[in-house]
Amino acid sequence: MSNQTPIGLTIMEKLIGLLMIAVGAITFYVTYTNIASFGGLGGNATLFLAADIALTVLGIFLLIAKTE
């Protein structure tokens, strides 16, 4: 058997990483611009912003990781 990773797996990993970056960035932007509707920078707003940052960082990790 070959030790090479299937090309489809590598492409999908990169596409999912790009999708996660896009979703994280968009939801961060929407949450940050509408932060007044959450009642300021406390409670749920902080939780959503932290989750969006984590999603974006995970997407970046998937994008730069080497599939083996």
PDB file of N, CA and C in Angstrom:
ATOM      1  N   MET A   1       0.829  -1.185   0.000  1.00  0.00           N
ATOM      2  CA  MET A   1       0.000   0.000   0.000  1.00  0.00           C
ATOM      3  C   MET A   1       0.875   1.251   0.000  1.00  0.00           C
ATOM      4  N   SER A   2       0.312   2.302  -0.497  1.00  0.00           N
ATOM      5  CA  SER A   2       1.017   3.566  -0.578  1.00  0.00           C
ATOM      6  C   SER A   2       0.904   4.328   0.734  1.00  0.00           C
ATOM      7  N   ASN A   3       1.926   5.078   1.065  1.00  0.00           N
ATOM      8  CA  ASN A   3       1.915   5.904   2.272  1.00  0.00           C
ATOM      9  C   ASN A   3       1.423   7.312   1.989  1.00  0.00           C
ATOM     10  N   GLN A   4       1.019   7.582   0.771  1.00  0.00           N
ATOM     11  CA  GLN A   4       0.551   8.922   0.422  1.00  0.00           C
ATOM     12  C   GLN A   4      -0.890   9.115   0.865  1.00  0.00           C
ATOM     13  N   THR A   5      -1.187  10.357   1.262  1.00  0.00           N
ATOM     14  CA  THR A   5      -2.546  10.707   1.650  1.00  0.00           C
ATOM     15  C   THR A   5      -3.374  10.988   0.401  1.00  0.00           C
ATOM     16  N   PRO A   6      -4.615  10.525   0.362  1.00  0.00           N
ATOM     17  CA  PRO A   6      -5.464  10.817  -0.805  1.00  0.00           C
ATOM     18  C   PRO A   6      -5.617  12.332  -0.999  1.00  0.00           C
ATOM     19  N   ILE A   7      -5.552  12.774  -2.236  1.00  0.00           N
ATOM     20  CA  ILE A   7      -5.597  14.194  -2.549  1.00  0.00           C
ATOM     21  C   ILE A   7      -6.931  14.816  -2.145  1.00  0.00           C
ATOM     22  N   GLY A   8      -8.005  14.043  -2.219  1.00  0.00           N
ATOM     23  CA  GLY A   8      -9.319  14.548  -1.826  1.00  0.00           C
ATOM     24  C   GLY A   8      -9.376  14.887  -0.350  1.00  0.00           C
ATOM     25  N   LEU A   9      -8.725  14.085   0.475  1.00  0.00           N
ATOM     26  CA  LEU A   9      -8.689  14.338   1.916  1.00  0.00           C
ATOM     27  C   LEU A   9      -7.952  15.636   2.220  1.00  0.00           C
ATOM     28  N   THR A  10      -6.859  15.867   1.554  1.00  0.00           N
ATOM     29  CA  THR A  10      -6.082  17.085   1.754  1.00  0.00           C
ATOM     30  C   THR A  10      -6.869  18.315   1.310  1.00  0.00           C
ATOM     31  N   ILE A  11      -7.517  18.222   0.171  1.00  0.00           N
ATOM     32  CA  ILE A  11      -8.297  19.358  -0.336  1.00  0.00           C
ATOM     33  C   ILE A  11      -9.460  19.678   0.596  1.00  0.00           C
ATOM     34  N   MET A  12     -10.167  18.652   1.062  1.00  0.00           N
ATOM     35  CA  MET A  12     -11.307  18.885   1.947  1.00  0.00           C
ATOM     36  C   MET A  12     -10.863  19.463   3.288  1.00  0.00           C
ATOM     37  N   GLU A  13      -9.709  19.039   3.785  1.00  0.00           N
ATOM     38  CA  GLU A  13      -9.200  19.596   5.042  1.00  0.00           C
ATOM     39  C   GLU A  13      -8.946  21.092   4.894  1.00  0.00           C
ATOM     40  N   LYS A  14      -8.352  21.482   3.779  1.00  0.00           N
ATOM     41  CA  LYS A  14      -8.077  22.902   3.543  1.00  0.00           C
ATOM     42  C   LYS A  14      -9.368  23.693   3.335  1.00  0.00           C
ATOM     43  N   LEU A  15     -10.334  23.114   2.613  1.00  0.00           N
ATOM     44  CA  LEU A  15     -11.608  23.804   2.397  1.00  0.00           C
ATOM     45  C   LEU A  15     -12.390  23.971   3.693  1.00  0.00           C
ATOM     46  N   ILE A  16     -12.379  22.951   4.540  1.00  0.00           N
ATOM     47  CA  ILE A  16     -13.061  23.069   5.829  1.00  0.00           C
ATOM     48  C   ILE A  16     -12.364  24.109   6.699  1.00  0.00           C
ATOM     49  N   GLY A  17     -11.042  24.174   6.633  1.00  0.00           N
ATOM     50  CA  GLY A  17     -10.308  25.207   7.359  1.00  0.00           C
ATOM     51  C   GLY A  17     -10.692  26.601   6.897  1.00  0.00           C
ATOM     52  N   LEU A  18     -10.785  26.791   5.577  1.00  0.00           N
ATOM     53  CA  LEU A  18     -11.202  28.092   5.044  1.00  0.00           C
ATOM     54  C   LEU A  18     -12.628  28.430   5.452  1.00  0.00           C
ATOM     55  N   LEU A  19     -13.502  27.434   5.435  1.00  0.00           N
ATOM     56  CA  LEU A  19     -14.887  27.648   5.851  1.00  0.00           C
ATOM     57  C   LEU A  19     -14.967  28.036   7.326  1.00  0.00           C
ATOM     58  N   MET A  20     -14.182  27.386   8.169  1.00  0.00           N
ATOM     59  CA  MET A  20     -14.185  27.715   9.593  1.00  0.00           C
ATOM     60  C   MET A  20     -13.651  29.126   9.839  1.00  0.00           C
ATOM     61  N   ILE A  21     -12.631  29.521   9.090  1.00  0.00           N
ATOM     62  CA  ILE A  21     -12.109  30.885   9.211  1.00  0.00           C
ATOM     63  C   ILE A  21     -13.171  31.893   8.822  1.00  0.00           C
ATOM     64  N   ALA A  22     -13.867  31.633   7.713  1.00  0.00           N
ATOM     65  CA  ALA A  22     -14.899  32.559   7.241  1.00  0.00           C
ATOM     66  C   ALA A  22     -16.057  32.661   8.237  1.00  0.00           C
ATOM     67  N   VAL A  23     -16.529  31.526   8.722  1.00  0.00           N
ATOM     68  CA  VAL A  23     -17.644  31.544   9.677  1.00  0.00           C
ATOM     69  C   VAL A  23     -17.230  32.224  10.974  1.00  0.00           C
ATOM     70  N   GLY A  24     -16.045  31.926  11.472  1.00  0.00           N
ATOM     71  CA  GLY A  24     -15.559  32.558  12.699  1.00  0.00           C
ATOM     72  C   GLY A  24     -15.405  34.055  12.550  1.00  0.00           C
ATOM     73  N   ALA A  25     -14.866  34.507  11.413  1.00  0.00           N
ATOM     74  CA  ALA A  25     -14.671  35.937  11.195  1.00  0.00           C
ATOM     75  C   ALA A  25     -16.002  36.670  11.036  1.00  0.00           C
ATOM     76  N   ILE A  26     -16.929  36.068  10.309  1.00  0.00           N
ATOM     77  CA  ILE A  26     -18.232  36.714  10.107  1.00  0.00           C
ATOM     78  C   ILE A  26     -19.011  36.798  11.414  1.00  0.00           C
ATOM     79  N   THR A  27     -19.046  35.712  12.163  1.00  0.00           N
ATOM     80  CA  THR A  27     -19.785  35.756  13.428  1.00  0.00           C
ATOM     81  C   THR A  27     -19.107  36.671  14.445  1.00  0.00           C
ATOM     82  N   PHE A  28     -17.772  36.755  14.422  1.00  0.00           N
ATOM     83  CA  PHE A  28     -17.075  37.704  15.292  1.00  0.00           C
ATOM     84  C   PHE A  28     -17.459  39.125  14.932  1.00  0.00           C
ATOM     85  N   TYR A  29     -17.460  39.431  13.650  1.00  0.00           N
ATOM     86  CA  TYR A  29     -17.811  40.780  13.191  1.00  0.00           C
ATOM     87  C   TYR A  29     -19.240  41.145  13.589  1.00  0.00           C
ATOM     88  N   VAL A  30     -20.171  40.230  13.349  1.00  0.00           N
ATOM     89  CA  VAL A  30     -21.574  40.511  13.661  1.00  0.00           C
ATOM     90  C   VAL A  30     -21.763  40.684  15.167  1.00  0.00           C
ATOM     91  N   THR A  31     -21.140  39.833  15.954  1.00  0.00           N
ATOM     92  CA  THR A  31     -21.262  39.945  17.409  1.00  0.00           C
ATOM     93  C   THR A  31     -20.627  41.234  17.907  1.00  0.00           C
ATOM     94  N   TYR A  32     -19.457  41.583  17.366  1.00  0.00           N
ATOM     95  CA  TYR A  32     -18.756  42.783  17.826  1.00  0.00           C
ATOM     96  C   TYR A  32     -19.506  44.051  17.442  1.00  0.00           C
ATOM     97  N   THR A  33     -20.072  44.092  16.246  1.00  0.00           N
ATOM     98  CA  THR A  33     -20.784  45.301  15.822  1.00  0.00           C
ATOM     99  C   THR A  33     -22.135  45.445  16.506  1.00  0.00           C
ATOM    100  N   ASN A  34     -22.721  44.346  16.958  1.00  0.00           N
ATOM    101  CA  ASN A  34     -24.016  44.404  17.643  1.00  0.00           C
ATOM    102  C   ASN A  34     -23.871  44.128  19.135  1.00  0.00           C
ATOM    103  N   ILE A  35     -22.749  44.526  19.703  1.00  0.00           N
ATOM    104  CA  ILE A  35     -22.471  44.196  21.098  1.00  0.00           C
ATOM    105  C   ILE A  35     -23.419  44.917  22.058  1.00  0.00           C
ATOM    106  N   ALA A  36     -23.994  46.023  21.633  1.00  0.00           N
ATOM    107  CA  ALA A  36     -24.919  46.754  22.489  1.00  0.00           C
ATOM    108  C   ALA A  36     -26.194  45.942  22.743  1.00  0.00           C
ATOM    109  N   SER A  37     -26.596  45.120  21.793  1.00  0.00           N
ATOM    110  CA  SER A  37     -27.802  44.313  21.982  1.00  0.00           C
ATOM    111  C   SER A  37     -27.596  43.211  23.017  1.00  0.00           C
ATOM    112  N   PHE A  38     -26.339  42.891  23.316  1.00  0.00           N
ATOM    113  CA  PHE A  38     -26.039  41.920  24.367  1.00  0.00           C
ATOM    114  C   PHE A  38     -25.956  42.584  25.741  1.00  0.00           C
ATOM    115  N   GLY A  39     -26.051  43.907  25.792  1.00  0.00           N
ATOM    116  CA  GLY A  39     -25.944  44.606  27.063  1.00  0.00           C
ATOM    117  C   GLY A  39     -24.508  44.916  27.436  1.00  0.00           C
ATOM    118  N   GLY A  40     -23.692  45.202  26.465  1.00  0.00           N
ATOM    119  CA  GLY A  40     -22.293  45.539  26.739  1.00  0.00           C
ATOM    120  C   GLY A  40     -21.392  44.332  26.614  1.00  0.00           C
ATOM    121  N   LEU A  41     -20.160  44.530  27.022  1.00  0.00           N
ATOM    122  CA  LEU A  41     -19.142  43.474  26.887  1.00  0.00           C
ATOM    123  C   LEU A  41     -19.131  42.617  28.147  1.00  0.00           C
ATOM    124  N   GLY A  42     -20.160  41.872  28.347  1.00  0.00           N
ATOM    125  CA  GLY A  42     -20.215  40.983  29.504  1.00  0.00           C
ATOM    126  C   GLY A  42     -21.086  39.791  29.191  1.00  0.00           C
ATOM    127  N   GLY A  43     -20.888  38.730  29.927  1.00  0.00           N
ATOM    128  CA  GLY A  43     -21.737  37.552  29.797  1.00  0.00           C
ATOM    129  C   GLY A  43     -21.675  36.884  28.445  1.00  0.00           C
ATOM    130  N   ASN A  44     -22.807  36.892  27.748  1.00  0.00           N
ATOM    131  CA  ASN A  44     -22.927  36.160  26.483  1.00  0.00           C
ATOM    132  C   ASN A  44     -22.054  36.736  25.379  1.00  0.00           C
ATOM    133  N   ALA A  45     -21.882  38.046  25.353  1.00  0.00           N
ATOM    134  CA  ALA A  45     -21.060  38.650  24.301  1.00  0.00           C
ATOM    135  C   ALA A  45     -19.626  38.153  24.382  1.00  0.00           C
ATOM    136  N   THR A  46     -19.085  38.094  25.575  1.00  0.00           N
ATOM    137  CA  THR A  46     -17.717  37.614  25.754  1.00  0.00           C
ATOM    138  C   THR A  46     -17.613  36.142  25.363  1.00  0.00           C
ATOM    139  N   LEU A  47     -18.619  35.367  25.708  1.00  0.00           N
ATOM    140  CA  LEU A  47     -18.627  33.948  25.357  1.00  0.00           C
ATOM    141  C   LEU A  47     -18.648  33.758  23.845  1.00  0.00           C
ATOM    142  N   PHE A  48     -19.509  34.506  23.150  1.00  0.00           N
ATOM    143  CA  PHE A  48     -19.581  34.394  21.690  1.00  0.00           C
ATOM    144  C   PHE A  48     -18.289  34.868  21.030  1.00  0.00           C
ATOM    145  N   LEU A  49     -17.710  35.954  21.515  1.00  0.00           N
ATOM    146  CA  LEU A  49     -16.466  36.446  20.922  1.00  0.00           C
ATOM    147  C   LEU A  49     -15.336  35.441  21.124  1.00  0.00           C
ATOM    148  N   ALA A  50     -15.267  34.838  22.307  1.00  0.00           N
ATOM    149  CA  ALA A  50     -14.225  33.830  22.564  1.00  0.00           C
ATOM    150  C   ALA A  50     -14.427  32.602  21.676  1.00  0.00           C
ATOM    151  N   ALA A  51     -15.673  32.181  21.491  1.00  0.00           N
ATOM    152  CA  ALA A  51     -15.950  31.022  20.636  1.00  0.00           C
ATOM    153  C   ALA A  51     -15.596  31.319  19.181  1.00  0.00           C
ATOM    154  N   ASP A  52     -15.861  32.548  18.738  1.00  0.00           N
ATOM    155  CA  ASP A  52     -15.528  32.922  17.360  1.00  0.00           C
ATOM    156  C   ASP A  52     -14.025  32.972  17.140  1.00  0.00           C
ATOM    157  N   ILE A  53     -13.305  33.474  18.117  1.00  0.00           N
ATOM    158  CA  ILE A  53     -11.839  33.501  18.014  1.00  0.00           C
ATOM    159  C   ILE A  53     -11.299  32.072  17.984  1.00  0.00           C
ATOM    160  N   ALA A  54     -11.833  31.200  18.836  1.00  0.00           N
ATOM    161  CA  ALA A  54     -11.388  29.802  18.860  1.00  0.00           C
ATOM    162  C   ALA A  54     -11.685  29.111  17.526  1.00  0.00           C
ATOM    163  N   LEU A  55     -12.850  29.382  16.948  1.00  0.00           N
ATOM    164  CA  LEU A  55     -13.209  28.794  15.658  1.00  0.00           C
ATOM    165  C   LEU A  55     -12.262  29.271  14.558  1.00  0.00           C
ATOM    166  N   THR A  56     -11.923  30.546  14.575  1.00  0.00           N
ATOM    167  CA  THR A  56     -11.007  31.095  13.579  1.00  0.00           C
ATOM    168  C   THR A  56      -9.609  30.498  13.731  1.00  0.00           C
ATOM    169  N   VAL A  57      -9.134  30.376  14.960  1.00  0.00           N
ATOM    170  CA  VAL A  57      -7.804  29.803  15.205  1.00  0.00           C
ATOM    171  C   VAL A  57      -7.773  28.337  14.780  1.00  0.00           C
ATOM    172  N   LEU A  58      -8.840  27.596  15.056  1.00  0.00           N
ATOM    173  CA  LEU A  58      -8.897  26.209  14.630  1.00  0.00           C
ATOM    174  C   LEU A  58      -8.893  26.093  13.108  1.00  0.00           C
ATOM    175  N   GLY A  59      -9.584  27.006  12.441  1.00  0.00           N
ATOM    176  CA  GLY A  59      -9.571  27.022  10.977  1.00  0.00           C
ATOM    177  C   GLY A  59      -8.184  27.316  10.423  1.00  0.00           C
ATOM    178  N   ILE A  60      -7.480  28.250  11.057  1.00  0.00           N
ATOM    179  CA  ILE A  60      -6.106  28.558  10.631  1.00  0.00           C
ATOM    180  C   ILE A  60      -5.212  27.337  10.828  1.00  0.00           C
ATOM    181  N   PHE A  61      -5.399  26.653  11.946  1.00  0.00           N
ATOM    182  CA  PHE A  61      -4.612  25.444  12.200  1.00  0.00           C
ATOM    183  C   PHE A  61      -4.870  24.390  11.132  1.00  0.00           C
ATOM    184  N   LEU A  62      -6.128  24.184  10.762  1.00  0.00           N
ATOM    185  CA  LEU A  62      -6.442  23.210   9.709  1.00  0.00           C
ATOM    186  C   LEU A  62      -5.855  23.627   8.362  1.00  0.00           C
ATOM    187  N   LEU A  63      -5.820  24.927   8.131  1.00  0.00           N
ATOM    188  CA  LEU A  63      -5.307  25.413   6.852  1.00  0.00           C
ATOM    189  C   LEU A  63      -3.793  25.210   6.728  1.00  0.00           C
ATOM    190  N   ILE A  64      -3.059  25.390   7.821  1.00  0.00           N
ATOM    191  CA  ILE A  64      -1.606  25.306   7.728  1.00  0.00           C
ATOM    192  C   ILE A  64      -1.056  23.933   8.102  1.00  0.00           C
ATOM    193  N   ALA A  65      -1.915  23.054   8.661  1.00  0.00           N
ATOM    194  CA  ALA A  65      -1.446  21.729   9.053  1.00  0.00           C
ATOM    195  C   ALA A  65      -1.141  20.878   7.819  1.00  0.00           C
ATOM    196  N   LYS A  66      -0.143  20.038   7.953  1.00  0.00           N
ATOM    197  CA  LYS A  66       0.235  19.144   6.860  1.00  0.00           C
ATOM    198  C   LYS A  66      -0.425  17.784   7.096  1.00  0.00           C
ATOM    199  N   THR A  67      -1.183  17.332   6.133  1.00  0.00           N
ATOM    200  CA  THR A  67      -1.866  16.049   6.234  1.00  0.00           C
ATOM    201  C   THR A  67      -0.892  14.925   5.903  1.00  0.00           C
ATOM    202  N   GLU A  68      -0.821  13.954   6.792  1.00  0.00           N
ATOM    203  CA  GLU A  68       0.082  12.814   6.556  1.00  0.00           C
ATOM    204  C   GLU A  68      -0.660  11.522   6.621  1.00  0.00           C
TER     205      GLU A  68
END
